Amino acid sequence: MQPLQNHPMLAESRLPSVTWTEYPPPQDLPPVQIGDPALPLISIVTPSFNQGTFISETIESVLHQPYPNIEYWVIDGGSTDETLDVLRRYEHDPRFHWLSEPDRGQSDAINKGWSRCRGDILAWLNSDDYYEPDIFSAVVKEFCTHSSLGLVYGEVRTVTSTGQLVRTMGYRVTPEQMLTELIAPFQATTFFHHAAVQLAGPIDLSLHYGMDADFLLRLMANVPYRFLPRVIANYRLHQTSKTVTAKSKFVYEKLTVLEKILAHRNQYPAFLPYSEAELRSKFYRLASKMLYTEGAMTESLFYLDRAVRVYPASWKTIAQHDVPRWLMRWLLPSALYEQLIALMYRGRRAMRLAKTRLRSLSSSSV
């Protein structure tokens, strides 16, 4: 991997120079544990607040990775449940570090953690999610093979509070289309070059539900990224998770992200070919999808209507793609709709894997 200092990403970006002065790294950081000096260090941060029920599985999914160079920080916001007792159980592992103090929310905790990280590759894993076994080596291979990468992402499994599979989620578009469709990767699957995190600056503290989309779209518009076609993490859905309890707030913060992009168009070179009207239409379509997925059908139609009104040329795409899915969600019970979507994702995944194998066979036979 290319080192952080003088990395091409820092020199070529259109993003303004940012500093982390609000998050200076402490002077007395514990030493990192390097098992193999030939491999990069991976640093993981978990923001935590009153997730004692799930955080042990999160921690073990990191510490049980058979990868030699791991640094792991849990930044807790002052939990009052059993979380701190759970954290103390892992203090014997020299790779594991934690602190607990009042903070300004999840974004603040992630920034605090990243400011302490010495790794070449960074990530954050929420305290109710967990990684697949032996995934770090695959991520490192991508970064080492493609030295200019700023971001690697993959597929995710959604699971219930007890870990039962809901569905495996891929992407309905190719990696090249992710930005054109304004689709951010599943946060739990993302890994960043340290230089990319330095480039994008601290995560926005004003956002509590859309901060991952804000951060990821800003990065993807400025640095090379790559899709790893395998499940990287498990994303837990339960009654206290933000995804379950605050879907409408996710939607409204996505629209806040839109206004940030429009106010700083020059910082998003990948979006420059699109007019303001087209970008607004794309975001309204995303808002509509988030709402109809959760059964908010009337509000979802409101955003589809806005998408067409602000950019009339989008009507054909909306008629072909958005309206059929809206109707399917309206007509079908939620469980059946989820099953059909899961089948569609599995079909697309199988086709992608088949194409990858065919390309591999073709190249090996030449």
Protein backbone atom coordinates (compact mmCIF):
# COMPACT_ATOMS: atom_id res chain seq x y z
CA MET A 1 0.00 0.00 0.00
CA GLN A 2 1.09 3.55 -0.61
CA PRO A 3 1.90 5.41 2.63
CA LEU A 4 -0.27 8.22 3.96
CA GLN A 5 2.37 10.89 3.45
CA ASN A 6 2.32 12.37 -0.06
CA HIS A 7 -0.40 9.97 -1.16
CA PRO A 8 -1.76 10.92 -4.65
CA MET A 9 -5.28 11.19 -3.22
CA LEU A 10 -4.20 14.10 -1.05
CA ALA A 11 -2.62 15.95 -3.95
CA GLU A 12 -5.28 15.37 -6.61
CA SER A 13 -8.51 15.91 -4.68
CA ARG A 14 -10.82 18.88 -5.19
CA LEU A 15 -11.88 18.70 -1.56
CA PRO A 16 -10.63 21.61 0.54
CA SER A 17 -7.75 20.99 2.88
CA VAL A 18 -9.18 19.95 6.23
CA THR A 19 -7.67 19.51 9.65
CA TRP A 20 -8.53 17.32 12.58
CA THR A 21 -7.63 19.98 15.14
CA GLU A 22 -10.81 19.26 17.11
CA TYR A 23 -9.65 15.64 17.46
CA PRO A 24 -5.94 15.67 18.35
CA PRO A 25 -4.58 12.18 19.01
CA PRO A 26 -3.57 11.62 22.64
CA GLN A 27 0.15 11.55 23.32
CA ASP A 28 0.09 8.36 25.39
CA LEU A 29 -1.51 5.95 22.94
CA PRO A 30 -0.84 2.26 23.61
CA PRO A 31 1.56 0.52 21.21
CA VAL A 32 0.13 -1.24 18.18
CA GLN A 33 0.50 -4.99 17.84
CA ILE A 34 2.21 -6.00 14.60
CA GLY A 35 2.34 -9.72 13.91
CA ASP A 36 3.59 -9.40 10.33
CA PRO A 37 5.50 -6.22 9.36
CA ALA A 38 4.98 -7.01 5.67
CA LEU A 39 1.21 -6.46 5.96
CA PRO A 40 -0.72 -3.23 6.62
CA LEU A 41 -2.33 -2.47 9.96
CA ILE A 42 -6.15 -2.47 10.06
CA SER A 43 -7.76 -0.14 12.62
CA ILE A 44 -11.44 -0.59 13.52
CA VAL A 45 -13.56 1.83 15.57
CA THR A 46 -16.87 0.90 17.20
CA PRO A 47 -19.06 3.76 18.51
CA SER A 48 -21.08 2.49 21.44
CA PHE A 49 -23.96 3.53 23.67
CA ASN A 50 -26.10 1.11 25.67
CA GLN A 51 -25.73 -1.85 23.30
CA GLY A 52 -24.50 -4.31 25.89
CA THR A 53 -26.82 -6.98 24.50
CA PHE A 54 -25.00 -7.11 21.16
CA ILE A 55 -21.54 -5.59 21.53
CA SER A 56 -19.76 -8.78 22.60
CA GLU A 57 -20.51 -10.39 19.23
CA THR A 58 -19.32 -7.21 17.51
CA ILE A 59 -16.01 -7.23 19.40
CA GLU A 60 -15.36 -10.91 18.84
CA SER A 61 -16.00 -10.59 15.12
CA VAL A 62 -13.02 -8.22 15.02
CA LEU A 63 -10.66 -9.89 17.47
CA HIS A 64 -11.27 -13.39 16.07
CA GLN A 65 -10.17 -12.37 12.58
CA PRO A 66 -7.12 -14.50 11.62
CA TYR A 67 -5.21 -11.41 10.51
CA PRO A 68 -1.93 -10.48 12.25
CA ASN A 69 -2.14 -6.67 12.44
CA ILE A 70 -5.27 -5.32 14.17
CA GLU A 71 -5.92 -2.20 16.24
CA TYR A 72 -9.41 -1.95 17.75
CA TRP A 73 -11.02 0.97 19.60
CA VAL A 74 -14.46 1.04 21.21
CA ILE A 75 -15.54 4.63 21.92
CA ASP A 76 -18.44 4.54 24.36
CA GLY A 77 -20.69 7.51 25.08
CA GLY A 78 -21.21 6.79 28.78
CA SER A 79 -23.34 3.64 28.70
CA THR A 80 -25.47 2.87 31.73
CA ASP A 81 -26.31 -0.74 30.85
CA GLU A 82 -23.95 -3.75 30.97
CA THR A 83 -21.73 -2.42 28.14
CA LEU A 84 -18.79 -1.39 30.35
CA ASP A 85 -18.70 -4.80 32.04
CA VAL A 86 -18.56 -6.40 28.61
CA LEU A 87 -15.72 -4.11 27.50
CA ARG A 88 -13.66 -4.96 30.58
CA ARG A 89 -13.76 -8.64 29.62
CA TYR A 90 -11.56 -7.91 26.60
CA GLU A 91 -8.96 -5.69 28.25
CA HIS A 92 -6.48 -8.57 28.35
CA ASP A 93 -6.12 -8.41 24.55
CA PRO A 94 -3.39 -5.85 23.70
CA ARG A 95 -5.11 -5.06 20.38
CA PHE A 96 -8.26 -3.89 22.16
CA HIS A 97 -8.71 -0.41 23.66
CA TRP A 98 -11.74 1.47 24.94
CA LEU A 99 -12.86 4.64 26.63
CA SER A 100 -16.21 5.76 28.00
CA GLU A 101 -17.20 9.40 28.37
CA PRO A 102 -20.09 11.68 27.34
CA ASP A 103 -19.97 12.61 23.67
CA ARG A 104 -21.94 14.45 21.00
CA GLY A 105 -23.31 11.37 19.34
CA GLN A 106 -22.20 8.60 17.02
CA SER A 107 -20.28 10.83 14.60
CA ASP A 108 -18.28 12.35 17.46
CA ALA A 109 -17.39 8.88 18.73
CA ILE A 110 -16.19 7.73 15.31
CA ASN A 111 -14.06 10.85 14.87
CA LYS A 112 -12.54 10.35 18.33
CA GLY A 113 -11.70 6.78 17.46
CA TRP A 114 -10.21 7.51 14.05
CA SER A 115 -8.02 10.24 15.53
CA ARG A 116 -6.42 7.53 17.66
CA CYS A 117 -5.94 5.02 14.85
CA ARG A 118 -2.50 4.29 13.41
CA GLY A 119 -3.69 1.85 10.75
CA ASP A 120 -3.16 2.01 7.00
CA ILE A 121 -6.77 0.81 6.56
CA LEU A 122 -9.63 2.20 8.69
CA ALA A 123 -13.25 1.22 9.23
CA TRP A 124 -16.06 1.69 11.69
CA LEU A 125 -18.36 -1.09 12.83
CA ASN A 126 -21.48 -0.24 14.79
CA SER A 127 -21.99 -1.92 18.14
CA ASP A 128 -24.87 -4.12 16.97
CA ASP A 129 -23.27 -5.33 13.71
CA TYR A 130 -20.53 -7.91 13.17
CA TYR A 131 -18.03 -8.98 10.52
CA GLU A 132 -17.95 -12.25 8.63
CA PRO A 133 -15.07 -14.59 9.60
CA ASP A 134 -11.73 -14.14 7.84
CA ILE A 135 -12.71 -11.03 5.87
CA PHE A 136 -9.76 -8.75 6.70
CA SER A 137 -7.30 -10.67 4.52
CA ALA A 138 -9.58 -10.30 1.49
CA VAL A 139 -9.93 -6.56 2.09
CA VAL A 140 -6.17 -6.11 2.48
CA LYS A 141 -5.57 -8.01 -0.75
CA GLU A 142 -7.76 -5.51 -2.64
CA PHE A 143 -5.90 -2.51 -1.23
CA CYS A 144 -2.48 -4.05 -1.88
CA THR A 145 -3.35 -5.17 -5.41
CA HIS A 146 -4.89 -1.81 -6.36
CA SER A 147 -2.65 0.71 -4.62
CA SER A 148 -4.65 3.83 -5.57
CA LEU A 149 -7.86 2.69 -3.85
CA GLY A 150 -9.49 4.91 -1.27
CA LEU A 151 -12.44 2.62 -0.48
CA VAL A 152 -13.35 -1.07 -0.63
CA TYR A 153 -16.92 -2.26 0.01
CA GLY A 154 -18.93 -5.45 -0.33
CA GLU A 155 -22.24 -7.16 0.33
CA VAL A 156 -24.09 -7.35 3.64
CA ARG A 157 -26.44 -9.76 5.36
CA THR A 158 -29.33 -8.31 7.33
CA VAL A 159 -30.12 -10.37 10.42
CA THR A 160 -32.65 -10.29 13.24
CA SER A 161 -31.86 -9.47 16.87
CA THR A 162 -31.08 -13.16 17.40
CA GLY A 163 -28.84 -13.41 14.34
CA GLN A 164 -31.31 -15.14 12.03
CA LEU A 165 -30.82 -14.31 8.36
CA VAL A 166 -33.30 -11.87 6.82
CA ARG A 167 -31.60 -11.55 3.46
CA THR A 168 -28.27 -11.07 1.73
CA MET A 169 -28.12 -7.63 0.15
CA GLY A 170 -26.10 -6.74 -2.90
CA TYR A 171 -26.44 -3.79 -5.24
CA ARG A 172 -28.84 -3.31 -8.13
CA VAL A 173 -26.23 -1.40 -10.11
CA THR A 174 -22.62 -1.95 -11.14
CA PRO A 175 -19.80 -0.26 -9.21
CA GLU A 176 -19.48 2.21 -12.08
CA GLN A 177 -23.14 3.18 -11.68
CA MET A 178 -23.05 3.62 -7.90
CA LEU A 179 -22.28 7.32 -8.10
CA THR A 180 -24.53 8.07 -11.06
CA GLU A 181 -27.42 6.59 -9.06
CA LEU A 182 -26.22 8.29 -5.81
CA ILE A 183 -26.08 4.91 -4.07
CA ALA A 184 -23.73 4.69 -1.10
CA PRO A 185 -22.37 1.27 -0.08
CA PHE A 186 -23.66 -0.51 3.00
CA GLN A 187 -21.69 1.22 5.74
CA ALA A 188 -20.81 -1.93 7.69
CA THR A 189 -18.95 -3.30 4.65
CA THR A 190 -16.75 -0.27 3.99
CA PHE A 191 -12.99 -0.02 4.55
CA PHE A 192 -10.96 3.14 3.84
CA HIS A 193 -7.38 4.01 3.09
CA HIS A 194 -6.18 6.24 5.93
CA ALA A 195 -5.40 8.96 3.37
CA ALA A 196 -9.04 8.93 2.23
CA VAL A 197 -10.28 9.53 5.77
CA GLN A 198 -7.79 12.36 6.22
CA LEU A 199 -8.97 13.80 2.92
CA ALA A 200 -12.69 13.75 3.66
CA GLY A 201 -12.27 15.25 7.08
CA PRO A 202 -14.17 14.43 10.28
CA ILE A 203 -17.67 13.02 9.96
CA ASP A 204 -20.32 15.75 10.15
CA LEU A 205 -21.57 16.08 13.74
CA SER A 206 -24.78 17.76 12.60
CA LEU A 207 -25.94 14.52 10.96
CA HIS A 208 -27.18 11.63 13.08
CA TYR A 209 -28.87 9.41 10.48
CA GLY A 210 -27.30 10.35 7.14
CA MET A 211 -23.68 10.87 8.16
CA ASP A 212 -22.54 7.65 6.49
CA ALA A 213 -24.13 8.58 3.15
CA ASP A 214 -22.66 12.08 3.40
CA PHE A 215 -19.16 10.74 4.11
CA LEU A 216 -19.30 7.92 1.55
CA LEU A 217 -20.66 9.98 -1.34
CA ARG A 218 -18.03 12.65 -0.69
CA LEU A 219 -15.30 10.03 -0.81
CA MET A 220 -16.63 8.16 -3.83
CA ALA A 221 -16.87 11.38 -5.82
CA ASN A 222 -13.15 11.98 -5.23
CA VAL A 223 -11.24 8.71 -4.80
CA PRO A 224 -11.08 5.34 -6.59
CA TYR A 225 -13.22 2.63 -5.03
CA ARG A 226 -13.72 -1.09 -5.61
CA PHE A 227 -16.43 -3.66 -4.98
CA LEU A 228 -15.47 -6.93 -3.28
CA PRO A 229 -18.09 -9.50 -4.40
CA ARG A 230 -18.62 -11.29 -1.10
CA VAL A 231 -20.48 -10.78 2.16
CA ILE A 232 -18.34 -8.68 4.50
CA ALA A 233 -20.61 -7.90 7.44
CA ASN A 234 -23.91 -8.63 9.13
CA TYR A 235 -26.26 -5.71 9.75
CA ARG A 236 -28.58 -6.30 12.68
CA LEU A 237 -32.19 -5.10 12.65
CA HIS A 238 -33.81 -4.81 16.07
CA GLN A 239 -36.36 -2.63 17.81
CA THR A 240 -33.83 -0.10 19.14
CA SER A 241 -31.70 0.22 16.00
CA LYS A 242 -31.86 3.59 14.25
CA THR A 243 -32.80 1.97 10.94
CA VAL A 244 -35.92 0.49 12.51
CA THR A 245 -36.97 3.42 14.70
CA ALA A 246 -36.25 6.48 12.54
CA LYS A 247 -36.67 5.79 8.82
CA SER A 248 -38.23 9.22 8.14
CA LYS A 249 -35.27 10.93 9.82
CA PHE A 250 -32.94 9.02 7.51
CA VAL A 251 -34.89 10.40 4.55
CA TYR A 252 -34.79 14.00 5.71
CA GLU A 253 -31.06 13.86 6.44
CA LYS A 254 -30.45 12.40 2.97
CA LEU A 255 -32.07 15.57 1.63
CA THR A 256 -29.74 17.61 3.86
CA VAL A 257 -26.84 15.77 2.21
CA LEU A 258 -28.27 16.80 -1.18
CA GLU A 259 -28.20 20.46 -0.19
CA LYS A 260 -24.58 20.10 0.96
CA ILE A 261 -23.62 18.63 -2.40
CA LEU A 262 -25.41 21.35 -4.35
CA ALA A 263 -23.78 24.06 -2.24
CA HIS A 264 -20.29 22.68 -2.98
CA ARG A 265 -20.59 21.23 -6.48
CA ASN A 266 -16.90 21.78 -7.27
CA GLN A 267 -15.96 19.39 -4.45
CA TYR A 268 -17.85 16.53 -6.14
CA PRO A 269 -16.27 16.18 -9.59
CA ALA A 270 -18.20 13.00 -10.36
CA PHE A 271 -21.48 14.94 -10.05
CA LEU A 272 -20.50 17.90 -12.25
CA PRO A 273 -22.03 16.41 -15.44
CA TYR A 274 -25.48 16.51 -13.81
CA SER A 275 -27.67 19.56 -13.52
CA GLU A 276 -29.06 20.61 -10.16
CA ALA A 277 -32.52 19.47 -11.30
CA GLU A 278 -31.25 15.99 -12.22
CA LEU A 279 -29.44 15.58 -8.89
CA ARG A 280 -32.54 16.65 -6.99
CA SER A 281 -34.63 14.16 -8.94
CA LYS A 282 -32.23 11.33 -8.12
CA PHE A 283 -32.32 12.16 -4.41
CA TYR A 284 -36.12 12.39 -4.40
CA ARG A 285 -36.29 8.94 -5.98
CA LEU A 286 -34.03 7.60 -3.23
CA ALA A 287 -36.24 9.20 -0.60
CA SER A 288 -39.29 7.62 -2.20
CA LYS A 289 -37.69 4.17 -2.16
CA MET A 290 -36.72 4.42 1.50
CA LEU A 291 -40.28 5.38 2.40
CA TYR A 292 -42.21 2.82 0.35
CA THR A 293 -39.88 0.07 1.57
CA GLU A 294 -41.13 0.86 5.08
CA GLY A 295 -44.76 1.09 3.98
CA ALA A 296 -45.06 4.90 3.94
CA MET A 297 -46.78 4.78 0.56
CA THR A 298 -48.40 8.24 0.45
CA GLU A 299 -45.26 10.07 1.49
CA SER A 300 -43.30 7.97 -0.98
CA LEU A 301 -45.58 9.09 -3.83
CA PHE A 302 -45.02 12.70 -2.79
CA TYR A 303 -41.29 12.33 -3.48
CA LEU A 304 -41.83 10.50 -6.77
CA ASP A 305 -44.03 13.38 -7.86
CA ARG A 306 -41.32 15.86 -6.85
CA ALA A 307 -38.74 13.85 -8.79
CA VAL A 308 -40.74 14.18 -12.01
CA ARG A 309 -41.69 17.81 -11.46
CA VAL A 310 -38.14 18.98 -10.82
CA TYR A 311 -36.70 16.98 -13.74
CA PRO A 312 -39.41 15.97 -16.26
CA ALA A 313 -36.95 13.90 -18.33
CA SER A 314 -36.87 11.36 -15.48
CA TRP A 315 -40.45 10.20 -16.05
CA LYS A 316 -39.51 7.24 -18.25
CA THR A 317 -36.94 5.86 -15.79
CA ILE A 318 -39.39 6.32 -12.93
CA ALA A 319 -42.17 4.60 -14.89
CA GLN A 320 -39.91 1.65 -15.73
CA HIS A 321 -38.17 1.16 -12.38
CA ASP A 322 -39.75 3.05 -9.49
CA VAL A 323 -43.46 2.70 -10.16
CA PRO A 324 -43.44 -1.13 -10.56
CA ARG A 325 -41.61 -1.52 -7.24
CA TRP A 326 -43.95 0.94 -5.55
CA LEU A 327 -46.95 -1.04 -6.81
CA MET A 328 -45.40 -4.34 -5.73
CA ARG A 329 -44.83 -2.97 -2.22
CA TRP A 330 -48.38 -1.56 -2.11
CA LEU A 331 -50.02 -4.82 -3.22
CA LEU A 332 -47.94 -7.34 -1.29
CA PRO A 333 -47.60 -8.01 2.43
CA SER A 334 -44.30 -6.80 3.80
CA ALA A 335 -42.88 -10.30 4.35
CA LEU A 336 -43.67 -11.42 0.79
CA TYR A 337 -42.24 -8.21 -0.65
CA GLU A 338 -39.01 -8.79 1.30
CA GLN A 339 -38.81 -12.36 -0.01
CA LEU A 340 -39.20 -11.23 -3.62
CA ILE A 341 -36.56 -8.53 -3.21
CA ALA A 342 -34.22 -11.10 -1.66
CA LEU A 343 -34.75 -13.39 -4.66
CA MET A 344 -33.95 -10.52 -7.02
CA TYR A 345 -30.71 -9.76 -5.14
CA ARG A 346 -29.68 -13.42 -5.18
CA GLY A 347 -30.36 -13.60 -8.90
CA ARG A 348 -28.25 -10.53 -9.62
CA ARG A 349 -25.46 -11.84 -7.39
CA ALA A 350 -25.45 -15.20 -9.20
CA MET A 351 -25.28 -13.44 -12.57
CA ARG A 352 -22.38 -11.25 -11.41
CA LEU A 353 -20.46 -14.25 -10.11
CA ALA A 354 -21.09 -16.15 -13.35
CA LYS A 355 -19.82 -13.22 -15.41
CA THR A 356 -16.73 -12.95 -13.20
CA ARG A 357 -15.97 -16.66 -13.66
CA LEU A 358 -16.47 -16.41 -17.41
CA ARG A 359 -14.07 -13.47 -17.63
CA SER A 360 -11.56 -15.38 -15.52
CA LEU A 361 -11.83 -18.45 -17.74
CA SER A 362 -11.53 -16.34 -20.89
CA SER A 363 -8.40 -14.57 -19.65
CA SER A 364 -6.76 -17.82 -18.51
CA SER A 365 -7.37 -19.48 -21.87
CA VAL A 366 -5.76 -16.65 -23.84
